[in-house]
Amino acid sequence: RPVKLTVTEFLLLQSLAQRPGFVKSRDNLMDAAYEDQVYVDDRTIDSHIKRMRKKFRDVDPEFDAIETLYGVGYRYREV
């Protein structure tokens, strides 16, 4: 089933899914989702990831493809 994502959420997901298993820091993800002149707190990325997980879990309660590596960043699970 389709999952509606914001543009920012889509860009974050795209960045993670392009290299499954590769860890992306919050800074890497901010660079992927925001223009250079836009300032956002790195915790904003956490909020976007949390909302994305919820949207995917609404469709698939067992969704766990986005992993958190505490103190490092996020990665898309390798299949």
PDB file of N, CA and C in Angstrom:
ATOM      1  N   ARG A   1       0.834  -1.187   0.000  1.00  0.00           N
ATOM      2  CA  ARG A   1       0.000   0.000   0.000  1.00  0.00           C
ATOM      3  C   ARG A   1       0.877   1.249   0.000  1.00  0.00           C
ATOM      4  N   PRO A   2       0.379   2.294  -0.623  1.00  0.00           N
ATOM      5  CA  PRO A   2       1.160   3.540  -0.667  1.00  0.00           C
ATOM      6  C   PRO A   2       1.330   4.166   0.715  1.00  0.00           C
ATOM      7  N   VAL A   3       2.446   4.840   0.891  1.00  0.00           N
ATOM      8  CA  VAL A   3       2.735   5.587   2.118  1.00  0.00           C
ATOM      9  C   VAL A   3       2.996   7.028   1.700  1.00  0.00           C
ATOM     10  N   LYS A   4       2.233   7.952   2.258  1.00  0.00           N
ATOM     11  CA  LYS A   4       2.414   9.362   1.919  1.00  0.00           C
ATOM     12  C   LYS A   4       3.519   9.956   2.774  1.00  0.00           C
ATOM     13  N   LEU A   5       4.549  10.470   2.101  1.00  0.00           N
ATOM     14  CA  LEU A   5       5.680  11.094   2.774  1.00  0.00           C
ATOM     15  C   LEU A   5       5.772  12.552   2.355  1.00  0.00           C
ATOM     16  N   THR A   6       6.307  13.374   3.240  1.00  0.00           N
ATOM     17  CA  THR A   6       6.617  14.744   2.862  1.00  0.00           C
ATOM     18  C   THR A   6       7.852  14.702   1.954  1.00  0.00           C
ATOM     19  N   VAL A   7       8.150  15.815   1.314  1.00  0.00           N
ATOM     20  CA  VAL A   7       9.330  15.874   0.461  1.00  0.00           C
ATOM     21  C   VAL A   7      10.589  15.587   1.283  1.00  0.00           C
ATOM     22  N   THR A   8      10.671  16.177   2.458  1.00  0.00           N
ATOM     23  CA  THR A   8      11.842  15.966   3.318  1.00  0.00           C
ATOM     24  C   THR A   8      11.961  14.503   3.724  1.00  0.00           C
ATOM     25  N   GLU A   9      10.855  13.892   4.120  1.00  0.00           N
ATOM     26  CA  GLU A   9      10.878  12.475   4.495  1.00  0.00           C
ATOM     27  C   GLU A   9      11.321  11.608   3.311  1.00  0.00           C
ATOM     28  N   PHE A  10      10.820  11.939   2.134  1.00  0.00           N
ATOM     29  CA  PHE A  10      11.202  11.175   0.949  1.00  0.00           C
ATOM     30  C   PHE A  10      12.699  11.295   0.688  1.00  0.00           C
ATOM     31  N   LEU A  11      13.235  12.508   0.789  1.00  0.00           N
ATOM     32  CA  LEU A  11      14.668  12.712   0.549  1.00  0.00           C
ATOM     33  C   LEU A  11      15.519  11.964   1.579  1.00  0.00           C
ATOM     34  N   LEU A  12      15.068  11.928   2.820  1.00  0.00           N
ATOM     35  CA  LEU A  12      15.781  11.172   3.853  1.00  0.00           C
ATOM     36  C   LEU A  12      15.743   9.674   3.545  1.00  0.00           C
ATOM     37  N   LEU A  13      14.567   9.179   3.215  1.00  0.00           N
ATOM     38  CA  LEU A  13      14.421   7.761   2.885  1.00  0.00           C
ATOM     39  C   LEU A  13      15.262   7.399   1.666  1.00  0.00           C
ATOM     40  N   GLN A  14      15.246   8.239   0.661  1.00  0.00           N
ATOM     41  CA  GLN A  14      16.036   8.004  -0.541  1.00  0.00           C
ATOM     42  C   GLN A  14      17.529   7.930  -0.204  1.00  0.00           C
ATOM     43  N   SER A  15      17.976   8.855   0.634  1.00  0.00           N
ATOM     44  CA  SER A  15      19.382   8.871   1.021  1.00  0.00           C
ATOM     45  C   SER A  15      19.778   7.592   1.756  1.00  0.00           C
ATOM     46  N   LEU A  16      18.913   7.127   2.643  1.00  0.00           N
ATOM     47  CA  LEU A  16      19.200   5.906   3.394  1.00  0.00           C
ATOM     48  C   LEU A  16      19.127   4.667   2.508  1.00  0.00           C
ATOM     49  N   ALA A  17      18.113   4.595   1.671  1.00  0.00           N
ATOM     50  CA  ALA A  17      17.865   3.386   0.876  1.00  0.00           C
ATOM     51  C   ALA A  17      18.837   3.224  -0.288  1.00  0.00           C
ATOM     52  N   GLN A  18      19.496   4.304  -0.706  1.00  0.00           N
ATOM     53  CA  GLN A  18      20.445   4.197  -1.810  1.00  0.00           C
ATOM     54  C   GLN A  18      21.642   3.313  -1.459  1.00  0.00           C
ATOM     55  N   ARG A  19      21.994   3.283  -0.174  1.00  0.00           N
ATOM     56  CA  ARG A  19      23.136   2.464   0.273  1.00  0.00           C
ATOM     57  C   ARG A  19      22.740   1.660   1.503  1.00  0.00           C
ATOM     58  N   PRO A  20      21.966   0.593   1.325  1.00  0.00           N
ATOM     59  CA  PRO A  20      21.561  -0.216   2.474  1.00  0.00           C
ATOM     60  C   PRO A  20      22.776  -0.725   3.247  1.00  0.00           C
ATOM     61  N   GLY A  21      22.673  -0.691   4.564  1.00  0.00           N
ATOM     62  CA  GLY A  21      23.758  -1.165   5.414  1.00  0.00           C
ATOM     63  C   GLY A  21      24.790  -0.102   5.730  1.00  0.00           C
ATOM     64  N   PHE A  22      24.783   0.993   4.998  1.00  0.00           N
ATOM     65  CA  PHE A  22      25.737   2.082   5.196  1.00  0.00           C
ATOM     66  C   PHE A  22      25.151   3.081   6.188  1.00  0.00           C
ATOM     67  N   VAL A  23      25.910   3.451   7.206  1.00  0.00           N
ATOM     68  CA  VAL A  23      25.423   4.367   8.243  1.00  0.00           C
ATOM     69  C   VAL A  23      25.549   5.799   7.768  1.00  0.00           C
ATOM     70  N   LYS A  24      24.454   6.549   7.921  1.00  0.00           N
ATOM     71  CA  LYS A  24      24.437   7.973   7.596  1.00  0.00           C
ATOM     72  C   LYS A  24      24.310   8.754   8.898  1.00  0.00           C
ATOM     73  N   SER A  25      25.182   9.705   9.096  1.00  0.00           N
ATOM     74  CA  SER A  25      25.093  10.562  10.283  1.00  0.00           C
ATOM     75  C   SER A  25      23.950  11.548  10.097  1.00  0.00           C
ATOM     76  N   ARG A  26      23.558  12.200  11.175  1.00  0.00           N
ATOM     77  CA  ARG A  26      22.520  13.229  11.079  1.00  0.00           C
ATOM     78  C   ARG A  26      22.957  14.328  10.115  1.00  0.00           C
ATOM     79  N   ASP A  27      24.239  14.687  10.164  1.00  0.00           N
ATOM     80  CA  ASP A  27      24.750  15.719   9.257  1.00  0.00           C
ATOM     81  C   ASP A  27      24.622  15.284   7.798  1.00  0.00           C
ATOM     82  N   ASN A  28      24.951  14.030   7.506  1.00  0.00           N
ATOM     83  CA  ASN A  28      24.796  13.516   6.139  1.00  0.00           C
ATOM     84  C   ASN A  28      23.347  13.614   5.687  1.00  0.00           C
ATOM     85  N   LEU A  29      22.442  13.246   6.594  1.00  0.00           N
ATOM     86  CA  LEU A  29      21.026  13.267   6.252  1.00  0.00           C
ATOM     87  C   LEU A  29      20.508  14.693   6.096  1.00  0.00           C
ATOM     88  N   MET A  30      21.001  15.617   6.925  1.00  0.00           N
ATOM     89  CA  MET A  30      20.605  17.023   6.773  1.00  0.00           C
ATOM     90  C   MET A  30      21.051  17.547   5.415  1.00  0.00           C
ATOM     91  N   ASP A  31      22.255  17.185   5.000  1.00  0.00           N
ATOM     92  CA  ASP A  31      22.752  17.620   3.695  1.00  0.00           C
ATOM     93  C   ASP A  31      21.894  17.067   2.557  1.00  0.00           C
ATOM     94  N   ALA A  32      21.399  15.861   2.715  1.00  0.00           N
ATOM     95  CA  ALA A  32      20.576  15.227   1.679  1.00  0.00           C
ATOM     96  C   ALA A  32      19.182  15.840   1.590  1.00  0.00           C
ATOM     97  N   ALA A  33      18.669  16.328   2.718  1.00  0.00           N
ATOM     98  CA  ALA A  33      17.273  16.757   2.758  1.00  0.00           C
ATOM     99  C   ALA A  33      17.065  18.267   2.726  1.00  0.00           C
ATOM    100  N   TYR A  34      18.094  19.028   3.052  1.00  0.00           N
ATOM    101  CA  TYR A  34      17.927  20.474   3.154  1.00  0.00           C
ATOM    102  C   TYR A  34      18.956  21.200   2.305  1.00  0.00           C
ATOM    103  N   GLU A  35      18.559  22.370   1.816  1.00  0.00           N
ATOM    104  CA  GLU A  35      19.480  23.207   1.057  1.00  0.00           C
ATOM    105  C   GLU A  35      20.559  23.743   1.991  1.00  0.00           C
ATOM    106  N   ASP A  36      21.681  24.122   1.421  1.00  0.00           N
ATOM    107  CA  ASP A  36      22.822  24.585   2.215  1.00  0.00           C
ATOM    108  C   ASP A  36      22.504  25.759   3.127  1.00  0.00           C
ATOM    109  N   GLN A  37      21.679  26.676   2.675  1.00  0.00           N
ATOM    110  CA  GLN A  37      21.429  27.881   3.455  1.00  0.00           C
ATOM    111  C   GLN A  37      20.342  27.700   4.522  1.00  0.00           C
ATOM    112  N   VAL A  38      19.770  26.523   4.632  1.00  0.00           N
ATOM    113  CA  VAL A  38      18.734  26.264   5.634  1.00  0.00           C
ATOM    114  C   VAL A  38      19.388  25.645   6.862  1.00  0.00           C
ATOM    115  N   TYR A  39      19.127  26.244   8.034  1.00  0.00           N
ATOM    116  CA  TYR A  39      19.655  25.682   9.275  1.00  0.00           C
ATOM    117  C   TYR A  39      18.551  24.913   9.984  1.00  0.00           C
ATOM    118  N   VAL A  40      18.846  23.687  10.359  1.00  0.00           N
ATOM    119  CA  VAL A  40      17.939  22.893  11.188  1.00  0.00           C
ATOM    120  C   VAL A  40      18.771  22.222  12.271  1.00  0.00           C
ATOM    121  N   ASP A  41      18.168  22.034  13.404  1.00  0.00           N
ATOM    122  CA  ASP A  41      18.814  21.321  14.495  1.00  0.00           C
ATOM    123  C   ASP A  41      18.940  19.853  14.104  1.00  0.00           C
ATOM    124  N   ASP A  42      20.012  19.198  14.530  1.00  0.00           N
ATOM    125  CA  ASP A  42      20.188  17.795  14.145  1.00  0.00           C
ATOM    126  C   ASP A  42      19.097  16.898  14.720  1.00  0.00           C
ATOM    127  N   ARG A  43      18.445  17.322  15.773  1.00  0.00           N
ATOM    128  CA  ARG A  43      17.339  16.529  16.336  1.00  0.00           C
ATOM    129  C   ARG A  43      16.103  16.558  15.441  1.00  0.00           C
ATOM    130  N   THR A  44      16.063  17.507  14.505  1.00  0.00           N
ATOM    131  CA  THR A  44      14.973  17.546  13.539  1.00  0.00           C
ATOM    132  C   THR A  44      14.963  16.266  12.718  1.00  0.00           C
ATOM    133  N   ILE A  45      16.143  15.753  12.419  1.00  0.00           N
ATOM    134  CA  ILE A  45      16.248  14.498  11.670  1.00  0.00           C
ATOM    135  C   ILE A  45      15.601  13.367  12.462  1.00  0.00           C
ATOM    136  N   ASP A  46      15.830  13.346  13.773  1.00  0.00           N
ATOM    137  CA  ASP A  46      15.214  12.316  14.625  1.00  0.00           C
ATOM    138  C   ASP A  46      13.692  12.366  14.515  1.00  0.00           C
ATOM    139  N   SER A  47      13.143  13.571  14.507  1.00  0.00           N
ATOM    140  CA  SER A  47      11.687  13.727  14.413  1.00  0.00           C
ATOM    141  C   SER A  47      11.170  13.216  13.073  1.00  0.00           C
ATOM    142  N   HIS A  48      11.878  13.530  12.002  1.00  0.00           N
ATOM    143  CA  HIS A  48      11.462  13.047  10.684  1.00  0.00           C
ATOM    144  C   HIS A  48      11.511  11.524  10.624  1.00  0.00           C
ATOM    145  N   ILE A  49      12.567  10.933  11.158  1.00  0.00           N
ATOM    146  CA  ILE A  49      12.710   9.470  11.148  1.00  0.00           C
ATOM    147  C   ILE A  49      11.571   8.837  11.961  1.00  0.00           C
ATOM    148  N   LYS A  50      11.268   9.421  13.104  1.00  0.00           N
ATOM    149  CA  LYS A  50      10.188   8.895  13.949  1.00  0.00           C
ATOM    150  C   LYS A  50       8.847   8.919  13.204  1.00  0.00           C
ATOM    151  N   ARG A  51       8.565  10.030  12.524  1.00  0.00           N
ATOM    152  CA  ARG A  51       7.303  10.129  11.777  1.00  0.00           C
ATOM    153  C   ARG A  51       7.277   9.151  10.596  1.00  0.00           C
ATOM    154  N   MET A  52       8.425   8.986   9.923  1.00  0.00           N
ATOM    155  CA  MET A  52       8.474   8.038   8.810  1.00  0.00           C
ATOM    156  C   MET A  52       8.217   6.616   9.288  1.00  0.00           C
ATOM    157  N   ARG A  53       8.858   6.243  10.379  1.00  0.00           N
ATOM    158  CA  ARG A  53       8.637   4.893  10.916  1.00  0.00           C
ATOM    159  C   ARG A  53       7.171   4.669  11.238  1.00  0.00           C
ATOM    160  N   LYS A  54       6.535   5.664  11.840  1.00  0.00           N
ATOM    161  CA  LYS A  54       5.114   5.538  12.185  1.00  0.00           C
ATOM    162  C   LYS A  54       4.269   5.345  10.920  1.00  0.00           C
ATOM    163  N   LYS A  55       4.551   6.123   9.901  1.00  0.00           N
ATOM    164  CA  LYS A  55       3.782   6.003   8.651  1.00  0.00           C
ATOM    165  C   LYS A  55       3.948   4.611   8.045  1.00  0.00           C
ATOM    166  N   PHE A  56       5.163   4.087   8.044  1.00  0.00           N
ATOM    167  CA  PHE A  56       5.391   2.749   7.494  1.00  0.00           C
ATOM    168  C   PHE A  56       4.774   1.673   8.383  1.00  0.00           C
ATOM    169  N   ARG A  57       4.823   1.868   9.685  1.00  0.00           N
ATOM    170  CA  ARG A  57       4.231   0.872  10.598  1.00  0.00           C
ATOM    171  C   ARG A  57       2.712   0.891  10.556  1.00  0.00           C
ATOM    172  N   ASP A  58       2.121   2.008  10.166  1.00  0.00           N
ATOM    173  CA  ASP A  58       0.665   2.039   9.977  1.00  0.00           C
ATOM    174  C   ASP A  58       0.261   1.110   8.837  1.00  0.00           C
ATOM    175  N   VAL A  59       1.136   0.949   7.855  1.00  0.00           N
ATOM    176  CA  VAL A  59       0.882   0.070   6.715  1.00  0.00           C
ATOM    177  C   VAL A  59       1.381  -1.346   6.998  1.00  0.00           C
ATOM    178  N   ASP A  60       2.547  -1.441   7.656  1.00  0.00           N
ATOM    179  CA  ASP A  60       3.149  -2.728   7.988  1.00  0.00           C
ATOM    180  C   ASP A  60       3.659  -2.680   9.429  1.00  0.00           C
ATOM    181  N   PRO A  61       2.902  -3.228  10.366  1.00  0.00           N
ATOM    182  CA  PRO A  61       3.281  -3.154  11.778  1.00  0.00           C
ATOM    183  C   PRO A  61       4.664  -3.742  12.089  1.00  0.00           C
ATOM    184  N   GLU A  62       5.206  -4.555  11.205  1.00  0.00           N
ATOM    185  CA  GLU A  62       6.512  -5.167  11.451  1.00  0.00           C
ATOM    186  C   GLU A  62       7.654  -4.427  10.758  1.00  0.00           C
ATOM    187  N   PHE A  63       7.385  -3.242  10.236  1.00  0.00           N
ATOM    188  CA  PHE A  63       8.412  -2.462   9.547  1.00  0.00           C
ATOM    189  C   PHE A  63       9.561  -2.152  10.501  1.00  0.00           C
ATOM    190  N   ASP A  64      10.778  -2.497  10.080  1.00  0.00           N
ATOM    191  CA  ASP A  64      11.953  -2.200  10.905  1.00  0.00           C
ATOM    192  C   ASP A  64      13.182  -1.931  10.036  1.00  0.00           C
ATOM    193  N   ALA A  65      12.946  -1.425   8.825  1.00  0.00           N
ATOM    194  CA  ALA A  65      14.033  -1.246   7.863  1.00  0.00           C
ATOM    195  C   ALA A  65      14.965  -0.087   8.201  1.00  0.00           C
ATOM    196  N   ILE A  66      14.508   0.878   8.998  1.00  0.00           N
ATOM    197  CA  ILE A  66      15.364   2.001   9.363  1.00  0.00           C
ATOM    198  C   ILE A  66      15.892   1.753  10.768  1.00  0.00           C
ATOM    199  N   GLU A  67      17.198   1.567  10.859  1.00  0.00           N
ATOM    200  CA  GLU A  67      17.831   1.262  12.143  1.00  0.00           C
ATOM    201  C   GLU A  67      18.512   2.500  12.712  1.00  0.00           C
ATOM    202  N   THR A  68      18.460   2.617  14.033  1.00  0.00           N
ATOM    203  CA  THR A  68      19.177   3.680  14.735  1.00  0.00           C
ATOM    204  C   THR A  68      20.456   3.100  15.307  1.00  0.00           C
ATOM    205  N   LEU A  69      21.555   3.781  15.065  1.00  0.00           N
ATOM    206  CA  LEU A  69      22.827   3.417  15.683  1.00  0.00           C
ATOM    207  C   LEU A  69      23.160   4.569  16.615  1.00  0.00           C
ATOM    208  N   TYR A  70      22.842   4.380  17.879  1.00  0.00           N
ATOM    209  CA  TYR A  70      22.932   5.460  18.854  1.00  0.00           C
ATOM    210  C   TYR A  70      24.313   6.100  18.871  1.00  0.00           C
ATOM    211  N   GLY A  71      24.307   7.417  18.788  1.00  0.00           N
ATOM    212  CA  GLY A  71      25.544   8.180  18.783  1.00  0.00           C
ATOM    213  C   GLY A  71      26.239   8.234  17.436  1.00  0.00           C
ATOM    214  N   VAL A  72      25.698   7.512  16.442  1.00  0.00           N
ATOM    215  CA  VAL A  72      26.339   7.454  15.130  1.00  0.00           C
ATOM    216  C   VAL A  72      25.412   8.008  14.052  1.00  0.00           C
ATOM    217  N   GLY A  73      24.216   7.439  13.934  1.00  0.00           N
ATOM    218  CA  GLY A  73      23.274   7.879  12.912  1.00  0.00           C
ATOM    219  C   GLY A  73      22.239   6.824  12.612  1.00  0.00           C
ATOM    220  N   TYR A  74      21.878   6.725  11.341  1.00  0.00           N
ATOM    221  CA  TYR A  74      20.827   5.808  10.905  1.00  0.00           C
ATOM    222  C   TYR A  74      21.312   5.031   9.694  1.00  0.00           C
ATOM    223  N   ARG A  75      20.701   3.865   9.492  1.00  0.00           N
ATOM    224  CA  ARG A  75      20.976   3.104   8.273  1.00  0.00           C
ATOM    225  C   ARG A  75      19.717   2.365   7.859  1.00  0.00           C
ATOM    226  N   TYR A  76      19.641   2.096   6.576  1.00  0.00           N
ATOM    227  CA  TYR A  76      18.563   1.288   6.012  1.00  0.00           C
ATOM    228  C   TYR A  76      19.053  -0.142   6.049  1.00  0.00           C
ATOM    229  N   ARG A  77      18.265  -1.008   6.640  1.00  0.00           N
ATOM    230  CA  ARG A  77      18.652  -2.409   6.823  1.00  0.00           C
ATOM    231  C   ARG A  77      18.906  -3.098   5.489  1.00  0.00           C
ATOM    232  N   GLU A  78      20.004  -3.856   5.435  1.00  0.00           N
ATOM    233  CA  GLU A  78      20.282  -4.671   4.257  1.00  0.00           C
ATOM    234  C   GLU A  78      19.342  -5.856   4.240  1.00  0.00           C
ATOM    235  N   VAL A  79      18.919  -6.216   3.053  1.00  0.00           N
ATOM    236  CA  VAL A  79      18.003  -7.361   2.907  1.00  0.00           C
ATOM    237  C   VAL A  79      18.789  -8.598   2.583  1.00  0.00           C
TER     238      VAL A  79
END
